[in-house]
Amino acid sequence: MSYFDLSCRKCPRLSDYLDKVKAQYPDYHCAPVAPFGDPDAKLLIVGLAPGMHGANATGRPFTGDYAGILLYETLYKHGFGSQEESLNAQDGLALRNCRITNAVKCLPPANKPLGPEIRQCNDYLVTELESLPEGAVILALGHIAHQAVVRASGQKLKDYPFGHGRWVSLPTGHYLLDSYHCSRYNTATRRLTAEMFTRVFDTAKRLLNADG
């Protein structure tokens, strides 16, 4: 199994919703959103799901979305991105040693995927994690992404609680690093600040460097 399928329609609620959104916004992508970045990356960032007017519109994770502002600025600052803005899928942005994916590849209603949908999409994440090299860092943005990574790694959720800035070594040979999601709500309420996010990426770089 590949870790992405553009034609996937395994979740009826999500597929029906994408059809309705496509009718309303015919120029939008309105399909599963592919991972974006370096295919040989050692840093994999896992978000929740495409945003209505972000990745669902542009077809690229966190592009055109408010959450992408802080993410791409931080990637650029740490040398993972070629530019600090992600405006559209044709803007020339390239990622270095970094790839971005989502726990759920399709836009969910109200930005809230259901449990069965998260589990259904987890097979793609399993395959993606298996493609990562030894010592790779998986950065989970938010609790749902964290749980999706733990599940995709074949581990028990109770053994790996979420904690902002916390990291653990997984039996798969990868590191799991957590951060609050860089959503508009979290940054507006200062649950997540630019300084906090920078420290998470500082940790990611230390883990990558420690592995060589």
N, C-alpha and C. Protein backbone atom coordinates (compact mmCIF):
# COMPACT_ATOMS: atom_id res chain seq x y z
N MET A 1 0.84 -1.21 0.00
CA MET A 1 0.00 0.00 0.00
C MET A 1 0.87 1.25 0.00
N SER A 2 0.50 2.21 -0.84
CA SER A 2 1.20 3.50 -0.86
C SER A 2 0.76 4.32 0.34
N TYR A 3 1.57 5.35 0.67
CA TYR A 3 1.14 6.20 1.78
C TYR A 3 0.29 7.38 1.33
N PHE A 4 -0.21 7.30 0.07
CA PHE A 4 -1.17 8.31 -0.39
C PHE A 4 -1.95 7.77 -1.57
N ASP A 5 -3.23 8.12 -1.64
CA ASP A 5 -4.09 7.72 -2.75
C ASP A 5 -5.04 8.87 -3.06
N LEU A 6 -4.79 9.56 -4.16
CA LEU A 6 -5.60 10.71 -4.54
C LEU A 6 -7.07 10.35 -4.76
N SER A 7 -7.32 9.11 -5.15
CA SER A 7 -8.68 8.71 -5.47
C SER A 7 -9.40 8.04 -4.30
N CYS A 8 -8.78 8.04 -3.12
CA CYS A 8 -9.38 7.36 -1.97
C CYS A 8 -10.75 7.95 -1.61
N ARG A 9 -11.73 7.05 -1.43
CA ARG A 9 -13.07 7.44 -1.00
C ARG A 9 -13.58 6.44 0.04
N LYS A 10 -12.69 6.03 0.93
CA LYS A 10 -13.02 5.00 1.90
C LYS A 10 -13.91 5.50 3.04
N CYS A 11 -13.97 6.82 3.22
CA CYS A 11 -14.79 7.39 4.29
C CYS A 11 -15.99 8.10 3.66
N PRO A 12 -17.17 7.49 3.66
CA PRO A 12 -18.33 8.05 2.96
C PRO A 12 -18.66 9.48 3.39
N ARG A 13 -18.62 9.77 4.68
CA ARG A 13 -18.97 11.11 5.15
C ARG A 13 -18.01 12.15 4.58
N LEU A 14 -16.71 11.84 4.57
CA LEU A 14 -15.72 12.79 4.07
C LEU A 14 -15.84 12.93 2.55
N SER A 15 -16.05 11.82 1.85
CA SER A 15 -16.18 11.88 0.40
C SER A 15 -17.40 12.70 -0.02
N ASP A 16 -18.51 12.49 0.66
CA ASP A 16 -19.73 13.25 0.36
C ASP A 16 -19.51 14.73 0.65
N TYR A 17 -18.82 15.02 1.72
CA TYR A 17 -18.57 16.42 2.08
C TYR A 17 -17.67 17.09 1.05
N LEU A 18 -16.64 16.38 0.59
CA LEU A 18 -15.77 16.95 -0.44
C LEU A 18 -16.55 17.24 -1.73
N ASP A 19 -17.48 16.37 -2.07
CA ASP A 19 -18.31 16.59 -3.27
C ASP A 19 -19.14 17.87 -3.12
N LYS A 20 -19.69 18.07 -1.94
CA LYS A 20 -20.50 19.27 -1.70
C LYS A 20 -19.64 20.54 -1.74
N VAL A 21 -18.45 20.47 -1.14
CA VAL A 21 -17.57 21.63 -1.14
C VAL A 21 -17.10 21.93 -2.56
N LYS A 22 -16.82 20.89 -3.34
CA LYS A 22 -16.39 21.08 -4.73
C LYS A 22 -17.46 21.78 -5.55
N ALA A 23 -18.72 21.45 -5.29
CA ALA A 23 -19.82 22.10 -6.00
C ALA A 23 -19.90 23.58 -5.64
N GLN A 24 -19.55 23.90 -4.40
CA GLN A 24 -19.58 25.29 -3.94
C GLN A 24 -18.34 26.07 -4.37
N TYR A 25 -17.19 25.36 -4.39
CA TYR A 25 -15.91 25.98 -4.76
C TYR A 25 -15.24 25.14 -5.85
N PRO A 26 -15.69 25.28 -7.10
CA PRO A 26 -15.21 24.41 -8.17
C PRO A 26 -13.71 24.51 -8.45
N ASP A 27 -13.07 25.59 -8.04
CA ASP A 27 -11.64 25.75 -8.27
C ASP A 27 -10.78 25.14 -7.15
N TYR A 28 -11.42 24.65 -6.10
CA TYR A 28 -10.68 24.07 -4.98
C TYR A 28 -10.22 22.65 -5.32
N HIS A 29 -9.19 22.21 -4.62
CA HIS A 29 -8.64 20.86 -4.80
C HIS A 29 -9.70 19.81 -4.43
N CYS A 30 -10.27 19.90 -3.24
CA CYS A 30 -11.38 19.04 -2.79
C CYS A 30 -11.14 17.55 -3.05
N ALA A 31 -10.02 17.08 -2.58
CA ALA A 31 -9.64 15.67 -2.70
C ALA A 31 -8.62 15.39 -1.61
N PRO A 32 -8.24 14.13 -1.41
CA PRO A 32 -7.17 13.86 -0.46
C PRO A 32 -5.93 14.69 -0.79
N VAL A 33 -5.29 15.21 0.25
CA VAL A 33 -4.12 16.08 0.07
C VAL A 33 -2.85 15.28 0.29
N ALA A 34 -1.98 15.30 -0.69
CA ALA A 34 -0.74 14.52 -0.65
C ALA A 34 0.26 15.11 0.33
N PRO A 35 1.12 14.29 0.92
CA PRO A 35 2.24 14.82 1.69
C PRO A 35 3.09 15.72 0.80
N PHE A 36 3.77 16.67 1.42
CA PHE A 36 4.57 17.65 0.69
C PHE A 36 5.97 17.73 1.28
N GLY A 37 6.97 17.67 0.42
CA GLY A 37 8.33 17.88 0.88
C GLY A 37 9.31 16.85 0.35
N ASP A 38 10.40 16.71 1.06
CA ASP A 38 11.51 15.86 0.67
C ASP A 38 11.14 14.38 0.85
N PRO A 39 11.18 13.57 -0.20
CA PRO A 39 10.82 12.16 -0.05
C PRO A 39 11.79 11.39 0.83
N ASP A 40 13.01 11.91 1.00
CA ASP A 40 14.00 11.24 1.84
C ASP A 40 14.19 11.94 3.18
N ALA A 41 13.20 12.73 3.59
CA ALA A 41 13.31 13.54 4.80
C ALA A 41 13.48 12.70 6.05
N LYS A 42 14.19 13.28 7.02
CA LYS A 42 14.31 12.67 8.35
C LYS A 42 13.44 13.39 9.37
N LEU A 43 12.80 14.48 8.95
CA LEU A 43 11.82 15.17 9.80
C LEU A 43 10.47 15.07 9.12
N LEU A 44 9.53 14.39 9.78
CA LEU A 44 8.16 14.28 9.26
C LEU A 44 7.24 15.03 10.21
N ILE A 45 6.54 16.02 9.69
CA ILE A 45 5.58 16.79 10.48
C ILE A 45 4.18 16.26 10.18
N VAL A 46 3.45 15.91 11.23
CA VAL A 46 2.12 15.35 11.06
C VAL A 46 1.09 16.31 11.64
N GLY A 47 0.24 16.84 10.77
CA GLY A 47 -0.85 17.71 11.19
C GLY A 47 -2.13 16.90 11.38
N LEU A 48 -3.23 17.61 11.56
CA LEU A 48 -4.51 16.94 11.77
C LEU A 48 -5.18 16.58 10.45
N ALA A 49 -5.59 17.61 9.68
CA ALA A 49 -6.33 17.39 8.44
C ALA A 49 -6.28 18.69 7.63
N PRO A 50 -6.58 18.64 6.34
CA PRO A 50 -6.61 19.85 5.53
C PRO A 50 -7.66 20.84 6.04
N GLY A 51 -7.37 22.13 5.93
CA GLY A 51 -8.32 23.17 6.27
C GLY A 51 -9.18 23.53 5.06
N MET A 52 -10.39 23.98 5.32
CA MET A 52 -11.33 24.28 4.23
C MET A 52 -10.73 25.19 3.16
N HIS A 53 -10.20 26.33 3.57
CA HIS A 53 -9.68 27.30 2.60
C HIS A 53 -8.16 27.28 2.54
N GLY A 54 -7.56 26.27 3.15
CA GLY A 54 -6.11 26.09 3.11
C GLY A 54 -5.76 24.94 2.18
N ALA A 55 -5.29 23.84 2.76
CA ALA A 55 -4.86 22.71 1.95
C ALA A 55 -5.98 22.13 1.09
N ASN A 56 -7.21 22.17 1.57
CA ASN A 56 -8.32 21.68 0.76
C ASN A 56 -8.50 22.50 -0.50
N ALA A 57 -8.11 23.77 -0.44
CA ALA A 57 -8.21 24.64 -1.61
C ALA A 57 -6.97 24.52 -2.50
N THR A 58 -5.80 24.51 -1.88
CA THR A 58 -4.55 24.57 -2.64
C THR A 58 -3.98 23.21 -3.02
N GLY A 59 -4.35 22.17 -2.25
CA GLY A 59 -3.80 20.85 -2.51
C GLY A 59 -2.44 20.62 -1.90
N ARG A 60 -1.99 21.52 -1.02
CA ARG A 60 -0.69 21.35 -0.36
C ARG A 60 -0.85 21.62 1.13
N PRO A 61 -0.33 20.74 1.99
CA PRO A 61 -0.53 20.89 3.43
C PRO A 61 -0.13 22.27 3.96
N PHE A 62 -1.02 22.86 4.75
CA PHE A 62 -0.79 24.12 5.45
C PHE A 62 -0.56 25.31 4.51
N THR A 63 -0.88 25.17 3.25
CA THR A 63 -0.69 26.25 2.28
C THR A 63 -1.99 27.01 2.08
N GLY A 64 -1.93 28.34 2.28
CA GLY A 64 -3.12 29.16 2.19
C GLY A 64 -3.93 29.16 3.47
N ASP A 65 -3.39 28.54 4.51
CA ASP A 65 -4.08 28.38 5.79
C ASP A 65 -3.38 29.23 6.84
N TYR A 66 -4.14 29.79 7.77
CA TYR A 66 -3.54 30.61 8.82
C TYR A 66 -2.50 29.82 9.61
N ALA A 67 -2.78 28.55 9.86
CA ALA A 67 -1.84 27.73 10.63
C ALA A 67 -0.50 27.60 9.93
N GLY A 68 -0.50 27.74 8.61
CA GLY A 68 0.73 27.61 7.86
C GLY A 68 1.67 28.79 8.02
N ILE A 69 1.16 29.94 8.47
CA ILE A 69 2.00 31.12 8.60
C ILE A 69 3.15 30.86 9.56
N LEU A 70 2.82 30.45 10.78
CA LEU A 70 3.85 30.19 11.78
C LEU A 70 4.68 28.96 11.39
N LEU A 71 4.04 27.94 10.85
CA LEU A 71 4.77 26.72 10.51
C LEU A 71 5.85 27.00 9.48
N TYR A 72 5.50 27.65 8.38
CA TYR A 72 6.49 27.86 7.32
C TYR A 72 7.53 28.90 7.69
N GLU A 73 7.15 29.89 8.49
CA GLU A 73 8.15 30.83 9.00
C GLU A 73 9.19 30.10 9.84
N THR A 74 8.72 29.18 10.67
CA THR A 74 9.62 28.45 11.56
C THR A 74 10.48 27.46 10.79
N LEU A 75 9.91 26.81 9.79
CA LEU A 75 10.69 25.91 8.95
C LEU A 75 11.81 26.66 8.24
N TYR A 76 11.49 27.84 7.73
CA TYR A 76 12.49 28.65 7.05
C TYR A 76 13.60 29.07 8.01
N LYS A 77 13.21 29.49 9.19
CA LYS A 77 14.17 29.94 10.20
C LYS A 77 15.15 28.82 10.57
N HIS A 78 14.69 27.59 10.55
CA HIS A 78 15.53 26.47 10.96
C HIS A 78 16.19 25.75 9.78
N GLY A 79 16.05 26.32 8.59
CA GLY A 79 16.75 25.77 7.44
C GLY A 79 16.04 24.64 6.72
N PHE A 80 14.79 24.39 7.09
CA PHE A 80 14.05 23.31 6.43
C PHE A 80 13.27 23.78 5.20
N GLY A 81 13.05 25.08 5.07
CA GLY A 81 12.27 25.62 3.95
C GLY A 81 13.05 26.64 3.15
N SER A 82 12.77 26.72 1.85
CA SER A 82 13.48 27.64 0.97
C SER A 82 12.92 29.06 1.04
N GLN A 83 11.73 29.22 1.58
CA GLN A 83 11.14 30.55 1.74
C GLN A 83 10.19 30.52 2.93
N GLU A 84 9.89 31.69 3.48
CA GLU A 84 9.13 31.73 4.73
C GLU A 84 7.63 31.84 4.55
N GLU A 85 7.17 31.92 3.31
CA GLU A 85 5.73 31.96 3.06
C GLU A 85 5.32 30.84 2.13
N SER A 86 4.14 30.31 2.36
CA SER A 86 3.57 29.28 1.50
C SER A 86 2.23 29.80 1.00
N LEU A 87 2.23 30.32 -0.20
CA LEU A 87 1.06 31.03 -0.72
C LEU A 87 0.16 30.15 -1.57
N ASN A 88 0.77 29.32 -2.43
CA ASN A 88 0.02 28.41 -3.28
C ASN A 88 0.95 27.28 -3.70
N ALA A 89 0.39 26.28 -4.32
CA ALA A 89 1.18 25.09 -4.65
C ALA A 89 2.18 25.32 -5.78
N GLN A 90 2.12 26.47 -6.42
CA GLN A 90 3.05 26.77 -7.51
C GLN A 90 4.02 27.90 -7.15
N ASP A 91 4.22 28.16 -5.86
CA ASP A 91 5.03 29.32 -5.46
C ASP A 91 6.53 29.02 -5.39
N GLY A 92 6.93 27.80 -5.73
CA GLY A 92 8.35 27.47 -5.76
C GLY A 92 8.94 27.04 -4.43
N LEU A 93 8.15 27.00 -3.39
CA LEU A 93 8.65 26.59 -2.09
C LEU A 93 9.14 25.15 -2.12
N ALA A 94 10.31 24.92 -1.55
CA ALA A 94 10.86 23.57 -1.43
C ALA A 94 11.23 23.32 0.03
N LEU A 95 11.06 22.10 0.48
CA LEU A 95 11.45 21.72 1.82
C LEU A 95 12.71 20.85 1.77
N ARG A 96 13.59 21.06 2.74
CA ARG A 96 14.85 20.32 2.80
C ARG A 96 14.84 19.41 4.03
N ASN A 97 15.03 18.12 3.82
CA ASN A 97 15.07 17.14 4.90
C ASN A 97 13.81 17.18 5.77
N CYS A 98 12.71 17.58 5.18
CA CYS A 98 11.44 17.73 5.90
C CYS A 98 10.29 17.39 4.97
N ARG A 99 9.28 16.73 5.52
CA ARG A 99 8.05 16.44 4.78
C ARG A 99 6.88 16.70 5.71
N ILE A 100 5.78 17.16 5.15
CA ILE A 100 4.58 17.46 5.93
C ILE A 100 3.44 16.57 5.43
N THR A 101 2.74 15.96 6.38
CA THR A 101 1.60 15.13 6.05
C THR A 101 0.49 15.41 7.06
N ASN A 102 -0.62 14.71 6.93
CA ASN A 102 -1.73 14.86 7.88
C ASN A 102 -2.21 13.50 8.35
N ALA A 103 -2.71 13.46 9.58
CA ALA A 103 -3.28 12.23 10.10
C ALA A 103 -4.50 11.81 9.29
N VAL A 104 -5.28 12.78 8.84
CA VAL A 104 -6.44 12.56 7.97
C VAL A 104 -6.21 13.37 6.70
N LYS A 105 -6.28 12.71 5.55
CA LYS A 105 -5.88 13.36 4.30
C LYS A 105 -6.99 14.19 3.66
N CYS A 106 -8.24 14.04 4.14
CA CYS A 106 -9.37 14.76 3.54
C CYS A 106 -9.96 15.77 4.53
N LEU A 107 -10.52 16.82 3.98
CA LEU A 107 -11.20 17.85 4.77
C LEU A 107 -12.38 17.25 5.53
N PRO A 108 -12.41 17.38 6.87
CA PRO A 108 -13.57 16.92 7.63
C PRO A 108 -14.53 18.08 7.92
N PRO A 109 -15.81 17.83 8.01
CA PRO A 109 -16.75 18.88 8.40
C PRO A 109 -16.38 19.47 9.75
N ALA A 110 -16.43 20.80 9.84
CA ALA A 110 -16.13 21.52 11.08
C ALA A 110 -14.72 21.22 11.60
N ASN A 111 -13.83 20.77 10.70
CA ASN A 111 -12.45 20.44 11.07
C ASN A 111 -12.36 19.35 12.13
N LYS A 112 -13.37 18.47 12.19
CA LYS A 112 -13.40 17.44 13.22
C LYS A 112 -13.64 16.07 12.59
N PRO A 113 -12.58 15.34 12.31
CA PRO A 113 -12.76 13.98 11.81
C PRO A 113 -13.28 13.07 12.91
N LEU A 114 -14.03 12.06 12.53
CA LEU A 114 -14.54 11.09 13.49
C LEU A 114 -13.49 10.00 13.74
N GLY A 115 -13.63 9.33 14.87
CA GLY A 115 -12.69 8.29 15.23
C GLY A 115 -12.48 7.25 14.14
N PRO A 116 -13.56 6.70 13.57
CA PRO A 116 -13.39 5.70 12.50
C PRO A 116 -12.66 6.26 11.28
N GLU A 117 -12.83 7.55 11.00
CA GLU A 117 -12.14 8.17 9.86
C GLU A 117 -10.64 8.30 10.14
N ILE A 118 -10.32 8.66 11.36
CA ILE A 118 -8.90 8.76 11.74
C ILE A 118 -8.25 7.38 11.64
N ARG A 119 -8.95 6.36 12.11
CA ARG A 119 -8.39 5.01 12.06
C ARG A 119 -8.31 4.49 10.63
N GLN A 120 -9.30 4.82 9.81
CA GLN A 120 -9.28 4.39 8.41
C GLN A 120 -8.08 4.96 7.68
N CYS A 121 -7.77 6.20 7.94
CA CYS A 121 -6.67 6.88 7.26
C CYS A 121 -5.31 6.48 7.86
N ASN A 122 -5.33 5.81 8.99
CA ASN A 122 -4.09 5.47 9.67
C ASN A 122 -3.23 4.51 8.88
N ASP A 123 -3.84 3.71 8.01
CA ASP A 123 -3.06 2.79 7.19
C ASP A 123 -2.06 3.54 6.31
N TYR A 124 -2.47 4.69 5.80
CA TYR A 124 -1.55 5.50 4.98
C TYR A 124 -0.38 6.01 5.83
N LEU A 125 -0.68 6.39 7.05
CA LEU A 125 0.38 6.88 7.94
C LEU A 125 1.32 5.75 8.33
N VAL A 126 0.79 4.56 8.53
CA VAL A 126 1.64 3.40 8.81
C VAL A 126 2.69 3.24 7.72
N THR A 127 2.24 3.26 6.48
CA THR A 127 3.16 3.08 5.35
C THR A 127 4.16 4.23 5.27
N GLU A 128 3.71 5.43 5.57
CA GLU A 128 4.61 6.57 5.52
C GLU A 128 5.68 6.48 6.60
N LEU A 129 5.29 6.08 7.80
CA LEU A 129 6.27 5.94 8.87
C LEU A 129 7.28 4.83 8.55
N GLU A 130 6.82 3.78 7.90
CA GLU A 130 7.72 2.69 7.53
C GLU A 130 8.76 3.13 6.51
N SER A 131 8.47 4.20 5.78
CA SER A 131 9.40 4.70 4.77
C SER A 131 10.50 5.58 5.37
N LEU A 132 10.34 5.97 6.64
CA LEU A 132 11.30 6.87 7.27
C LEU A 132 12.58 6.14 7.63
N PRO A 133 13.72 6.82 7.53
CA PRO A 133 14.98 6.19 7.91
C PRO A 133 15.13 6.09 9.43
N GLU A 134 16.05 5.28 9.86
CA GLU A 134 16.38 5.16 11.28
C GLU A 134 16.76 6.52 11.84
N GLY A 135 16.27 6.86 13.02
CA GLY A 135 16.61 8.13 13.65
C GLY A 135 15.78 9.31 13.19
N ALA A 136 14.76 9.06 12.37
CA ALA A 136 13.90 10.15 11.93
C ALA A 136 13.12 10.72 13.10
N VAL A 137 12.77 11.99 12.98
CA VAL A 137 11.97 12.68 13.99
C VAL A 137 10.57 12.90 13.43
N ILE A 138 9.57 12.47 14.16
CA ILE A 138 8.17 12.68 13.78
C ILE A 138 7.61 13.74 14.71
N LEU A 139 7.28 14.88 14.17
CA LEU A 139 6.73 15.99 14.95
C LEU A 139 5.21 15.98 14.81
N ALA A 140 4.53 15.66 15.89
CA ALA A 140 3.06 15.61 15.89
C ALA A 140 2.51 16.94 16.36
N LEU A 141 1.68 17.56 15.53
CA LEU A 141 1.06 18.84 15.85
C LEU A 141 -0.33 18.58 16.45
N GLY A 142 -0.39 18.52 17.76
CA GLY A 142 -1.67 18.33 18.42
C GLY A 142 -1.91 16.90 18.85
N HIS A 143 -2.91 16.75 19.70
CA HIS A 143 -3.20 15.49 20.36
C HIS A 143 -3.65 14.41 19.38
N ILE A 144 -4.49 14.77 18.41
CA ILE A 144 -5.00 13.77 17.47
C ILE A 144 -3.87 13.26 16.58
N ALA A 145 -3.01 14.15 16.12
CA ALA A 145 -1.86 13.73 15.31
C ALA A 145 -0.94 12.84 16.13
N HIS A 146 -0.73 13.21 17.38
CA HIS A 146 0.09 12.41 18.28
C HIS A 146 -0.45 10.98 18.39
N GLN A 147 -1.74 10.86 18.66
CA GLN A 147 -2.34 9.54 18.80
C GLN A 147 -2.26 8.75 17.49
N ALA A 148 -2.43 9.43 16.37
CA ALA A 148 -2.35 8.76 15.08
C ALA A 148 -0.95 8.18 14.86
N VAL A 149 0.08 8.93 15.25
CA VAL A 149 1.46 8.45 15.10
C VAL A 149 1.71 7.26 16.02
N VAL A 150 1.26 7.35 17.26
CA VAL A 150 1.44 6.24 18.20
C VAL A 150 0.77 4.98 17.66
N ARG A 151 -0.46 5.14 17.19
CA ARG A 151 -1.20 4.00 16.66
C ARG A 151 -0.50 3.43 15.42
N ALA A 152 -0.05 4.32 14.52
CA ALA A 152 0.62 3.88 13.30
C ALA A 152 1.95 3.21 13.59
N SER A 153 2.53 3.51 14.75
CA SER A 153 3.80 2.90 15.14
C SER A 153 3.58 1.55 15.83
N GLY A 154 2.32 1.16 15.99
CA GLY A 154 2.01 -0.12 16.60
C GLY A 154 2.09 -0.12 18.11
N GLN A 155 1.99 1.06 18.72
CA GLN A 155 2.13 1.18 20.17
C GLN A 155 0.77 1.47 20.81
N LYS A 156 0.73 1.34 22.13
CA LYS A 156 -0.50 1.59 22.89
C LYS A 156 -0.56 3.05 23.31
N LEU A 157 -1.72 3.65 23.13
CA LEU A 157 -1.88 5.08 23.44
C LEU A 157 -1.58 5.37 24.90
N LYS A 158 -1.95 4.48 25.78
CA LYS A 158 -1.76 4.74 27.21
C LYS A 158 -0.28 4.84 27.59
N ASP A 159 0.58 4.26 26.78
CA ASP A 159 2.01 4.27 27.08
C ASP A 159 2.71 5.53 26.58
N TYR A 160 2.02 6.32 25.78
CA TYR A 160 2.64 7.50 25.18
C TYR A 160 1.69 8.71 25.27
N PRO A 161 1.59 9.33 26.43
CA PRO A 161 0.72 10.51 26.58
C PRO A 161 1.28 11.71 25.82
N PHE A 162 0.39 12.56 25.36
CA PHE A 162 0.80 13.78 24.66
C PHE A 162 1.32 14.81 25.65
N GLY A 163 2.34 15.55 25.24
CA GLY A 163 2.84 16.64 26.06
C GLY A 163 3.63 17.61 25.22
N HIS A 164 3.24 18.86 25.20
CA HIS A 164 3.94 19.84 24.37
C HIS A 164 5.42 19.88 24.74
N GLY A 165 6.27 19.76 23.71
CA GLY A 165 7.71 19.80 23.91
C GLY A 165 8.31 18.49 24.36
N ARG A 166 7.47 17.50 24.62
CA ARG A 166 7.95 16.20 25.09
C ARG A 166 8.39 15.35 23.89
N TRP A 167 9.42 14.56 24.07
CA TRP A 167 9.82 13.63 23.03
C TRP A 167 10.15 12.27 23.64
N VAL A 168 9.95 11.22 22.83
CA VAL A 168 10.24 9.86 23.26
C VAL A 168 10.87 9.11 22.09
N SER A 169 11.61 8.07 22.42
CA SER A 169 12.13 7.15 21.41
C SER A 169 11.11 6.04 21.22
N LEU A 170 10.72 5.79 19.99
CA LEU A 170 9.77 4.73 19.69
C LEU A 170 10.52 3.44 19.37
N PRO A 171 9.89 2.29 19.60
CA PRO A 171 10.53 1.01 19.27
C PRO A 171 10.84 0.87 17.77
N THR A 172 10.23 1.70 16.96
CA THR A 172 10.47 1.66 15.51
C THR A 172 11.82 2.26 15.12
N GLY A 173 12.51 2.87 16.08
CA GLY A 173 13.78 3.53 15.76
C GLY A 173 13.62 4.99 15.41
N HIS A 174 12.43 5.53 15.63
CA HIS A 174 12.15 6.94 15.37
C HIS A 174 11.91 7.69 16.68
N TYR A 175 12.01 9.00 16.62
CA TYR A 175 11.66 9.85 17.74
C TYR A 175 10.27 10.43 17.49
N LEU A 176 9.47 10.51 18.53
CA LEU A 176 8.17 11.21 18.47
C LEU A 176 8.28 12.45 19.33
N LEU A 177 8.07 13.60 18.72
CA LEU A 177 8.15 14.91 19.37
C LEU A 177 6.80 15.59 19.25
N ASP A 178 6.30 16.15 20.35
CA ASP A 178 4.97 16.76 20.36
C ASP A 178 5.02 18.28 20.41
N SER A 179 4.01 18.87 19.78
CA SER A 179 3.79 20.31 19.90
C SER A 179 2.29 20.58 19.86
N TYR A 180 1.88 21.64 20.54
CA TYR A 180 0.53 22.12 20.29
C TYR A 180 0.41 22.48 18.82
N HIS A 181 -0.77 22.31 18.26
CA HIS A 181 -1.00 22.65 16.86
C HIS A 181 -0.87 24.17 16.66
N CYS A 182 -0.30 24.55 15.54
CA CYS A 182 -0.11 25.98 15.24
C CYS A 182 -1.36 26.60 14.63
N SER A 183 -2.50 26.30 15.18
CA SER A 183 -3.79 26.80 14.70
C SER A 183 -3.97 28.27 15.08
N ARG A 184 -4.91 28.90 14.43
CA ARG A 184 -5.24 30.30 14.75
C ARG A 184 -5.66 30.43 16.21
N TYR A 185 -6.47 29.49 16.68
CA TYR A 185 -6.94 29.55 18.07
C TYR A 185 -5.77 29.47 19.05
N ASN A 186 -4.89 28.51 18.84
CA ASN A 186 -3.78 28.32 19.78
C ASN A 186 -2.81 29.50 19.78
N THR A 187 -2.56 30.08 18.62
CA THR A 187 -1.63 31.22 18.58
C THR A 187 -2.31 32.49 19.08
N ALA A 188 -3.61 32.65 18.81
CA ALA A 188 -4.31 33.84 19.27
C ALA A 188 -4.45 33.87 20.78
N THR A 189 -4.64 32.70 21.37
CA THR A 189 -4.78 32.60 22.84
C THR A 189 -3.42 32.46 23.52
N ARG A 190 -2.37 32.38 22.71
CA ARG A 190 -0.98 32.23 23.19
C ARG A 190 -0.77 30.92 23.94
N ARG A 191 -1.63 29.97 23.65
CA ARG A 191 -1.33 28.61 24.13
C ARG A 191 -0.03 28.14 23.46
N LEU A 192 0.14 28.59 22.21
CA LEU A 192 1.38 28.34 21.50
C LEU A 192 1.91 29.67 20.97
N THR A 193 3.11 30.03 21.39
CA THR A 193 3.76 31.25 20.90
C THR A 193 4.86 30.89 19.91
N ALA A 194 5.32 31.88 19.17
CA ALA A 194 6.41 31.66 18.23
C ALA A 194 7.65 31.14 18.95
N GLU A 195 7.89 31.67 20.15
CA GLU A 195 9.05 31.23 20.93
C GLU A 195 8.92 29.76 21.34
N MET A 196 7.73 29.36 21.74
CA MET A 196 7.50 27.96 22.12
C MET A 196 7.70 27.04 20.92
N PHE A 197 7.20 27.47 19.77
CA PHE A 197 7.31 26.66 18.56
C PHE A 197 8.77 26.55 18.13
N THR A 198 9.50 27.64 18.25
CA THR A 198 10.93 27.64 17.92
C THR A 198 11.68 26.63 18.79
N ARG A 199 11.33 26.59 20.07
CA ARG A 199 12.01 25.65 20.97
C ARG A 199 11.73 24.20 20.57
N VAL A 200 10.52 23.92 20.08
CA VAL A 200 10.21 22.57 19.61
C VAL A 200 11.11 22.20 18.43
N PHE A 201 11.30 23.13 17.52
CA PHE A 201 12.15 22.85 16.36
C PHE A 201 13.63 22.80 16.74
N ASP A 202 14.00 23.55 17.76
CA ASP A 202 15.36 23.41 18.29
C ASP A 202 15.58 21.98 18.78
N THR A 203 14.58 21.44 19.47
CA THR A 203 14.67 20.06 19.95
C THR A 203 14.75 19.09 18.78
N ALA A 204 13.93 19.32 17.77
CA ALA A 204 13.95 18.43 16.60
C ALA A 204 15.34 18.41 15.95
N LYS A 205 15.96 19.56 15.84
CA LYS A 205 17.28 19.62 15.23
C LYS A 205 18.31 18.93 16.11
N ARG A 206 18.20 19.07 17.41
CA ARG A 206 19.13 18.38 18.31
C ARG A 206 19.00 16.86 18.16
N LEU A 207 17.78 16.38 18.08
CA LEU A 207 17.56 14.94 17.91
C LEU A 207 18.13 14.45 16.58
N LEU A 208 17.93 15.22 15.54
CA LEU A 208 18.46 14.84 14.23
C LEU A 208 19.98 14.84 14.23
N ASN A 209 20.56 15.85 14.87
CA ASN A 209 22.02 15.94 14.92
C ASN A 209 22.62 14.85 15.81
N ALA A 210 21.89 14.50 16.87
CA ALA A 210 22.39 13.47 17.78
C ALA A 210 22.47 12.12 17.07
N ASP A 211 21.54 11.93 16.13
CA ASP A 211 21.54 10.67 15.40
C ASP A 211 22.57 10.67 14.28
N GLY A 212 23.01 11.88 13.90
CA GLY A 212 24.00 11.99 12.83
C GLY A 212 23.36 12.01 11.45
